[in-house]
């Protein structure tokens, strides 16, 4: 009932403080296993770390999947064959830096506990329901080829994907006589506070009802069309020869207007296209370091028509204005005009985002060399 551990931690070996895993399966051989471990190891020397990792099989090749688990929400991308194993799995682990101090900052905490754990243990290695997850006591995988997520418009309950509440936990309590703190009440992530959890919220930073999948209800403005007007004019044409009689014809503005509009669209009238710009740029104004490590930095915006690329840059800020060189610069490609979400999970960036004030800068463009207007938004990282 306790993970096998060496009597002495020497090279090479490992031991576990918490060993927890859960697996989900679907039709056609689809499967995902999630492991949530806090462990010690001896590599070049003693080390400790918290680690969340995924193993996948039979999914849509090259697709990205969302995993909700007791400690947050994670994303992983499978290989071209629909699997995630071996070195590819290792490359997408979420783990602390190997120091004991950083392990204490791992999102894995508090430890999970089986609801049928024997006395003196947090579990016996068999899948059971658990308590202790700060964001839920289940695992759900959603993405291409899996049942779509649905939100109950009345209760806000989420269904769909591949889900299980059976999690195998192993671990022995160091002092079985010590009082154990009560398990936290799970609080699923809901960035905009509209009671639609982020995994099923199609507008994660905008308040909207469950009946509209977390997006604001559309505002319909009905403006009556102006009545059509026909204005006649007389055009006098002179004949080619001397003494030729003038001919009078009539035309109306309604038929002439399309030609003028076409000329304007081609620049004949000297009009210039406005530079591309995003609108409705939103992100959490305050976010903790722990939450950043769990979910990354999430942004939402309306991408304009014609934007083939969006440049994203993050800067330190003072009094709401950016300072120094960019901490991160990256590019994303909208699939179409309209609602566009970006999640920054670059590990180098997340390590740089300490407690303090920052500014994110967004520029859409037809290409990287032809960027449009800049939109900025400040946010604060807390401990």
Protein backbone atom coordinates (compact mmCIF):
# COMPACT_ATOMS: atom_id res chain seq x y z
CA UNK A 1 0.00 0.00 0.00
CA UNK A 2 3.03 2.27 -0.19
CA UNK A 3 5.06 2.94 -3.36
CA UNK A 4 8.17 0.78 -3.44
CA UNK A 5 11.07 2.89 -2.23
CA UNK A 6 14.73 2.12 -1.61
CA UNK A 7 16.00 1.91 1.93
CA UNK A 8 18.70 4.38 0.91
CA UNK A 9 18.39 6.95 -1.85
CA UNK A 10 21.46 6.33 -4.01
CA UNK A 11 22.18 6.58 -7.73
CA UNK A 12 20.04 5.68 -9.62
CA UNK A 13 16.79 5.42 -7.69
CA UNK A 14 13.59 7.21 -6.80
CA UNK A 15 10.94 7.35 -4.09
CA UNK A 16 7.45 8.90 -3.91
CA UNK A 17 5.76 11.19 -1.42
CA UNK A 18 2.50 10.92 -3.38
CA UNK A 19 1.84 8.47 -6.20
CA UNK A 20 -1.52 9.12 -7.94
CA UNK A 21 -2.77 8.16 -11.38
CA UNK A 22 -6.00 7.90 -13.33
CA UNK A 23 -6.91 6.52 -16.75
CA UNK A 24 -9.78 7.16 -19.14
CA UNK A 25 -10.71 5.14 -22.22
CA UNK A 26 -12.99 5.66 -25.20
CA UNK A 27 -14.18 3.94 -28.33
CA UNK A 28 -11.66 2.80 -30.91
CA UNK A 29 -8.80 2.19 -28.49
CA UNK A 30 -8.57 5.80 -27.26
CA UNK A 31 -6.90 6.12 -23.85
CA UNK A 32 -5.20 8.73 -21.68
CA UNK A 33 -3.38 8.18 -18.39
CA UNK A 34 -2.63 11.08 -16.05
CA UNK A 35 0.06 10.79 -13.38
CA UNK A 36 0.37 13.29 -10.51
CA UNK A 37 3.46 12.52 -8.45
CA UNK A 38 5.62 14.24 -5.88
CA UNK A 39 8.86 12.33 -5.71
CA UNK A 40 12.48 12.24 -4.69
CA UNK A 41 15.26 10.86 -6.86
CA UNK A 42 19.02 10.50 -7.06
CA UNK A 43 20.37 11.51 -10.47
CA UNK A 44 23.62 13.48 -10.44
CA UNK A 45 22.71 14.14 -6.82
CA UNK A 46 19.64 14.20 -4.61
CA UNK A 47 16.65 15.98 -6.11
CA UNK A 48 12.91 16.37 -5.52
CA UNK A 49 10.13 17.47 -7.81
CA UNK A 50 6.39 17.60 -8.47
CA UNK A 51 5.38 16.15 -11.84
CA UNK A 52 2.18 15.93 -13.90
CA UNK A 53 2.53 13.85 -17.06
CA UNK A 54 0.32 12.24 -19.68
CA UNK A 55 0.36 9.06 -21.73
CA UNK A 56 -2.02 8.87 -24.69
CA UNK A 57 -2.96 6.38 -27.40
CA UNK A 58 -5.37 6.26 -30.34
CA UNK A 59 -6.23 9.99 -30.48
CA UNK A 60 -6.36 12.29 -33.53
CA UNK A 61 -2.85 12.73 -34.90
CA UNK A 62 -1.20 16.07 -34.11
CA UNK A 63 -4.19 17.34 -32.11
CA UNK A 64 -4.07 19.22 -28.80
CA UNK A 65 -6.17 18.00 -25.86
CA UNK A 66 -7.36 19.59 -22.62
CA UNK A 67 -7.09 17.66 -19.36
CA UNK A 68 -8.92 18.72 -16.22
CA UNK A 69 -7.47 17.10 -13.11
CA UNK A 70 -7.56 17.69 -9.34
CA UNK A 71 -4.77 20.30 -9.53
CA UNK A 72 -5.86 22.36 -12.52
CA UNK A 73 -6.17 22.26 -16.29
CA UNK A 74 -3.37 21.13 -18.61
CA UNK A 75 -2.90 20.77 -22.36
CA UNK A 76 -0.86 18.30 -24.37
CA UNK A 77 -0.29 17.60 -28.06
CA UNK A 78 -0.10 14.04 -29.40
CA UNK A 79 2.18 12.87 -32.19
CA UNK A 80 1.21 12.35 -35.81
CA UNK A 81 0.14 8.77 -34.97
CA UNK A 82 -2.21 9.95 -32.20
CA UNK A 83 0.03 8.68 -29.38
CA UNK A 84 2.04 10.40 -26.66
CA UNK A 85 4.70 8.13 -25.22
CA UNK A 86 8.37 7.94 -24.35
CA UNK A 87 10.47 11.01 -25.05
CA UNK A 88 7.52 12.95 -26.46
CA UNK A 89 5.69 12.43 -23.18
CA UNK A 90 8.74 13.51 -21.19
CA UNK A 91 9.01 16.70 -23.26
CA UNK A 92 5.49 17.75 -22.25
CA UNK A 93 5.70 17.04 -18.54
CA UNK A 94 4.78 19.81 -16.13
CA UNK A 95 7.29 19.69 -13.30
CA UNK A 96 9.22 21.79 -10.83
CA UNK A 97 12.90 22.60 -11.26
CA UNK A 98 14.32 19.80 -9.08
CA UNK A 99 15.03 21.81 -5.94
CA UNK A 100 13.30 20.96 -2.70
CA UNK A 101 12.16 24.58 -2.25
CA UNK A 102 10.51 24.66 -5.68
CA UNK A 103 8.88 21.30 -5.02
CA UNK A 104 6.98 22.98 -2.18
CA UNK A 105 5.54 25.32 -4.86
CA UNK A 106 4.28 22.41 -6.96
CA UNK A 107 0.57 22.65 -7.85
CA UNK A 108 0.30 19.09 -6.48
CA UNK A 109 -1.04 19.78 -3.03
CA UNK A 110 -2.63 18.86 -0.77
CA UNK A 111 -2.16 15.14 -1.38
CA UNK A 112 -5.17 13.18 -2.58
CA UNK A 113 -6.79 10.67 -0.22
CA UNK A 114 -8.80 7.62 -1.15
CA UNK A 115 -12.28 7.61 0.37
CA UNK A 116 -11.60 4.00 1.40
CA UNK A 117 -7.97 4.33 2.53
CA UNK A 118 -6.81 1.90 5.23
CA UNK A 119 -5.80 3.38 8.58
CA UNK A 120 -2.39 5.04 8.38
CA UNK A 121 -2.44 5.40 4.58
CA UNK A 122 -3.82 7.84 2.00
CA UNK A 123 -4.70 4.95 -0.33
CA UNK A 124 -3.96 1.36 -1.21
CA UNK A 125 -3.12 1.71 -4.90
CA UNK A 126 -6.58 0.74 -6.14
CA UNK A 127 -8.78 3.16 -8.14
CA UNK A 128 -11.37 4.77 -5.87
CA UNK A 129 -13.11 8.09 -5.42
CA UNK A 130 -10.84 10.59 -3.67
CA UNK A 131 -10.84 13.86 -1.77
CA UNK A 132 -8.21 16.59 -1.56
CA UNK A 133 -8.25 18.04 -5.07
CA UNK A 134 -8.48 21.85 -4.87
CA UNK A 135 -10.08 22.07 -8.36
CA UNK A 136 -12.00 18.81 -8.49
CA UNK A 137 -11.65 15.12 -7.69
CA UNK A 138 -11.88 13.74 -11.22
CA UNK A 139 -10.03 13.60 -14.54
CA UNK A 140 -11.66 14.68 -17.81
CA UNK A 141 -10.05 14.76 -21.27
CA UNK A 142 -11.63 16.76 -24.11
CA UNK A 143 -10.59 17.54 -27.66
CA UNK A 144 -10.80 16.35 -31.29
CA UNK A 145 -12.47 12.99 -31.80
CA UNK A 146 -13.96 12.88 -28.28
CA UNK A 147 -17.56 13.57 -27.19
CA UNK A 148 -18.03 17.38 -27.15
CA UNK A 149 -18.41 19.19 -23.84
CA UNK A 150 -21.97 20.25 -23.04
CA UNK A 151 -23.17 22.69 -20.38
CA UNK A 152 -26.51 22.19 -18.65
CA UNK A 153 -28.23 25.59 -19.13
CA UNK A 154 -29.95 25.28 -15.73
CA UNK A 155 -27.33 23.79 -13.39
CA UNK A 156 -24.15 24.67 -15.30
CA UNK A 157 -22.98 21.05 -14.94
CA UNK A 158 -20.52 19.91 -17.60
CA UNK A 159 -20.70 16.59 -19.43
CA UNK A 160 -18.83 15.08 -22.38
CA UNK A 161 -15.22 14.21 -23.07
CA UNK A 162 -13.69 11.16 -21.38
CA UNK A 163 -14.16 11.40 -17.61
CA UNK A 164 -13.49 9.32 -14.48
CA UNK A 165 -13.58 9.92 -10.73
CA UNK A 166 -11.63 6.71 -10.04
CA UNK A 167 -8.07 7.65 -9.06
CA UNK A 168 -5.43 5.28 -7.67
CA UNK A 169 -3.50 6.78 -4.74
CA UNK A 170 -0.59 5.34 -2.78
CA UNK A 171 1.13 6.81 0.25
CA UNK A 172 1.76 6.23 3.91
CA UNK A 173 1.06 8.83 6.60
CA UNK A 174 4.29 9.71 8.40
CA UNK A 175 2.59 10.12 11.78
CA UNK A 176 -0.74 8.24 11.79
CA UNK A 177 -1.66 9.90 15.10
CA UNK A 178 -1.28 13.45 13.79
CA UNK A 179 -4.54 15.24 12.91
CA UNK A 180 -5.11 15.53 9.17
CA UNK A 181 -6.45 18.88 7.90
CA UNK A 182 -9.87 18.68 6.28
CA UNK A 183 -9.89 18.27 2.51
CA UNK A 184 -10.52 21.52 0.61
CA UNK A 185 -13.83 22.13 -1.13
CA UNK A 186 -13.03 21.87 -4.86
CA UNK A 187 -13.30 25.13 -6.82
CA UNK A 188 -13.20 24.52 -10.60
CA UNK A 189 -11.43 27.31 -12.52
CA UNK A 190 -13.83 30.04 -13.63
CA UNK A 191 -11.78 33.05 -14.75
CA UNK A 192 -14.72 35.39 -15.40
CA UNK A 193 -16.88 34.24 -12.48
CA UNK A 194 -19.97 33.50 -14.56
CA UNK A 195 -20.48 29.99 -13.06
CA UNK A 196 -19.49 28.32 -16.35
CA UNK A 197 -16.19 26.50 -15.73
CA UNK A 198 -13.33 27.46 -18.02
CA UNK A 199 -13.15 24.08 -19.76
CA UNK A 200 -16.67 24.52 -21.15
CA UNK A 201 -16.69 28.33 -21.36
CA UNK A 202 -16.35 29.49 -24.97
CA UNK A 203 -15.74 33.07 -23.76
CA UNK A 204 -13.48 32.38 -20.81
CA UNK A 205 -12.87 36.05 -19.95
CA UNK A 206 -16.35 37.40 -20.70
CA UNK A 207 -19.40 36.94 -18.47
CA UNK A 208 -22.22 35.00 -20.13
CA UNK A 209 -24.96 32.50 -19.18
CA UNK A 210 -24.64 28.73 -19.40
CA UNK A 211 -27.41 28.75 -22.01
CA UNK A 212 -24.99 30.58 -24.34
CA UNK A 213 -21.94 28.50 -23.32
CA UNK A 214 -20.52 31.29 -21.17
CA UNK A 215 -20.60 33.98 -23.87
CA UNK A 216 -22.47 37.29 -23.62
CA UNK A 217 -25.88 37.23 -25.26
CA UNK A 218 -25.85 39.05 -28.62
CA UNK A 219 -27.26 42.56 -28.70
CA UNK A 220 -29.55 43.02 -31.68
CA UNK A 221 -29.99 46.60 -32.88
CA UNK A 222 -32.65 47.01 -35.56
CA UNK A 223 -32.25 50.11 -37.70
CA UNK A 224 -34.87 50.67 -40.42
CA UNK A 225 -33.42 51.08 -43.89
CA UNK A 226 -33.89 54.57 -45.39
CA UNK A 227 -36.45 54.80 -48.21
CA UNK A 228 -35.04 54.47 -51.71
CA UNK A 229 -34.70 57.74 -53.62
CA UNK A 230 -34.39 58.15 -57.37
CA UNK A 231 -32.83 61.40 -58.58
CA UNK A 232 -33.01 62.02 -62.30
CA UNK A 233 -30.52 64.18 -64.17
CA UNK A 234 -30.22 65.25 -67.79
CA UNK A 235 -26.99 64.68 -69.70
CA UNK A 236 -26.49 66.73 -72.88
CA UNK A 237 -24.21 65.10 -75.44
CA UNK A 238 -22.82 67.14 -78.36
CA UNK A 239 -22.72 65.44 -81.73
CA UNK A 240 -19.46 64.72 -83.49
CA UNK A 241 -20.25 66.93 -86.49
CA UNK A 242 -21.03 70.63 -86.72
CA UNK A 243 -24.65 71.44 -86.24
CA UNK A 244 -25.47 68.03 -84.81
CA UNK A 245 -28.45 68.21 -82.51
CA UNK A 246 -27.78 67.56 -78.82
CA UNK A 247 -29.25 64.35 -77.38
CA UNK A 248 -30.72 64.22 -73.92
CA UNK A 249 -30.61 61.05 -71.79
CA UNK A 250 -31.53 60.42 -68.17
CA UNK A 251 -29.75 58.44 -65.45
CA UNK A 252 -30.42 58.05 -61.77
CA UNK A 253 -28.24 58.00 -58.68
CA UNK A 254 -29.45 54.57 -57.64
CA UNK A 255 -27.84 52.95 -60.71
CA UNK A 256 -24.75 55.16 -60.60
CA UNK A 257 -23.95 54.47 -56.95
CA UNK A 258 -22.65 50.87 -57.36
CA UNK A 259 -20.07 52.05 -59.87
CA UNK A 260 -18.91 54.78 -57.50
CA UNK A 261 -18.70 52.26 -54.65
CA UNK A 262 -16.67 49.89 -56.81
CA UNK A 263 -14.32 52.71 -57.73
CA UNK A 264 -13.94 53.62 -54.05
CA UNK A 265 -13.16 50.01 -53.12
CA UNK A 266 -10.34 50.04 -55.68
CA UNK A 267 -8.83 53.18 -54.25
CA UNK A 268 -9.92 55.39 -57.18
CA UNK A 269 -11.41 57.91 -54.76
CA UNK A 270 -8.25 58.03 -52.67
CA UNK A 271 -9.56 56.08 -49.65
CA UNK A 272 -7.10 54.10 -47.49
CA UNK A 273 -7.76 50.83 -45.59
CA UNK A 274 -7.57 51.07 -41.81
CA UNK A 275 -4.76 49.12 -40.13
CA UNK A 276 -5.78 45.75 -38.66
CA UNK A 277 -6.61 45.84 -34.95
CA UNK A 278 -7.94 43.37 -32.38
CA UNK A 279 -10.88 44.28 -30.15
CA UNK A 280 -12.27 43.06 -26.81
CA UNK A 281 -8.81 42.07 -25.54
CA UNK A 282 -9.25 40.45 -22.11
CA UNK A 283 -7.25 38.47 -19.55
CA UNK A 284 -7.30 38.02 -15.80
CA UNK A 285 -6.25 41.30 -14.19
CA UNK A 286 -4.79 39.48 -11.18
CA UNK A 287 -3.37 35.97 -11.29
CA UNK A 288 -1.28 34.02 -8.79
CA UNK A 289 2.05 32.39 -9.60
CA UNK A 290 0.53 28.99 -8.76
CA UNK A 291 -2.38 29.52 -11.15
CA UNK A 292 -0.01 30.66 -13.90
CA UNK A 293 1.92 27.41 -13.59
CA UNK A 294 -1.30 25.41 -13.72
CA UNK A 295 -3.14 27.08 -16.59
CA UNK A 296 -0.64 29.44 -18.26
CA UNK A 297 -1.42 33.02 -19.26
CA UNK A 298 -4.77 33.09 -21.06
CA UNK A 299 -5.89 35.85 -23.41
CA UNK A 300 -9.06 36.33 -25.42
CA UNK A 301 -9.77 38.80 -28.23
CA UNK A 302 -11.71 39.43 -31.42
CA UNK A 303 -9.40 38.90 -34.40
CA UNK A 304 -10.17 41.10 -37.44
CA UNK A 305 -10.77 39.81 -40.94
CA UNK A 306 -7.50 39.62 -42.86
CA UNK A 307 -5.34 38.85 -39.82
CA UNK A 308 -3.14 35.89 -40.70
CA UNK A 309 -0.85 36.32 -37.71
CA UNK A 310 -1.02 37.85 -34.22
CA UNK A 311 2.15 39.04 -32.45
CA UNK A 312 2.11 38.63 -28.66
CA UNK A 313 4.68 40.32 -26.41
CA UNK A 314 4.90 40.49 -22.61
CA UNK A 315 6.78 43.22 -20.74
CA UNK A 316 7.41 44.21 -17.16
CA UNK A 317 5.47 47.35 -16.31
CA UNK A 318 5.61 50.37 -14.06
CA UNK A 319 2.54 52.58 -13.56
CA UNK A 320 0.78 50.62 -16.29
CA UNK A 321 3.48 51.27 -18.93
CA UNK A 322 5.91 48.69 -20.29
CA UNK A 323 9.57 48.87 -19.30
CA UNK A 324 12.72 47.23 -20.66
CA UNK A 325 13.00 44.48 -23.22
CA UNK A 326 10.18 42.02 -23.90
CA UNK A 327 10.16 38.96 -21.63
CA UNK A 328 8.44 37.02 -24.40
CA UNK A 329 7.62 37.53 -28.07
CA UNK A 330 5.63 34.97 -30.03
CA UNK A 331 3.26 34.65 -32.97
CA UNK A 332 -0.06 32.85 -33.27
CA UNK A 333 -2.22 32.25 -36.35
CA UNK A 334 -6.00 32.78 -36.07
CA UNK A 335 -7.98 30.16 -37.99
CA UNK A 336 -10.63 32.74 -38.85
CA UNK A 337 -11.90 36.19 -37.95
CA UNK A 338 -13.78 36.44 -34.66
CA UNK A 339 -13.22 35.03 -31.18
CA UNK A 340 -9.56 34.05 -30.76
CA UNK A 341 -7.93 32.64 -27.63
CA UNK A 342 -4.26 32.33 -26.80
CA UNK A 343 -2.70 30.43 -23.90
CA UNK A 344 0.98 31.16 -23.19
CA UNK A 345 2.70 28.17 -21.57
CA UNK A 346 6.30 28.98 -22.46
CA UNK A 347 8.30 27.75 -19.46
CA UNK A 348 10.92 30.46 -19.84
CA UNK A 349 8.18 33.12 -19.65
CA UNK A 350 6.40 31.52 -16.68
CA UNK A 351 9.68 31.41 -14.74
CA UNK A 352 10.16 35.15 -15.36
CA UNK A 353 6.66 36.11 -14.20
CA UNK A 354 7.29 36.81 -10.55
CA UNK A 355 5.02 38.89 -8.33
CA UNK A 356 4.61 42.32 -9.93
CA UNK A 357 2.99 44.29 -12.74
CA UNK A 358 3.17 43.38 -16.44
CA UNK A 359 1.80 44.49 -19.82
CA UNK A 360 0.76 42.26 -22.71
CA UNK A 361 0.96 43.79 -26.20
CA UNK A 362 -1.05 42.44 -29.18
CA UNK A 363 -0.56 43.33 -32.88
CA UNK A 364 -2.44 41.55 -35.68
CA UNK A 365 -1.24 41.61 -39.26
CA UNK A 366 -1.45 40.13 -42.71
CA UNK A 367 2.10 38.82 -42.09
CA UNK A 368 4.91 39.21 -39.55
CA UNK A 369 6.32 42.06 -41.61
CA UNK A 370 2.97 43.84 -42.01
CA UNK A 371 1.55 44.31 -38.51
CA UNK A 372 -1.34 46.60 -37.63
CA UNK A 373 -2.40 48.57 -34.58
CA UNK A 374 -1.20 47.74 -31.07
CA UNK A 375 -3.57 46.79 -28.24
CA UNK A 376 -2.21 46.60 -24.68
CA UNK A 377 -3.55 45.39 -21.36
CA UNK A 378 -1.87 45.34 -17.95
CA UNK A 379 -2.11 42.58 -15.36
CA UNK A 380 -0.62 41.78 -11.97
CA UNK A 381 0.97 38.55 -10.78
CA UNK A 382 0.51 37.78 -7.07
CA UNK A 383 2.19 35.28 -4.78
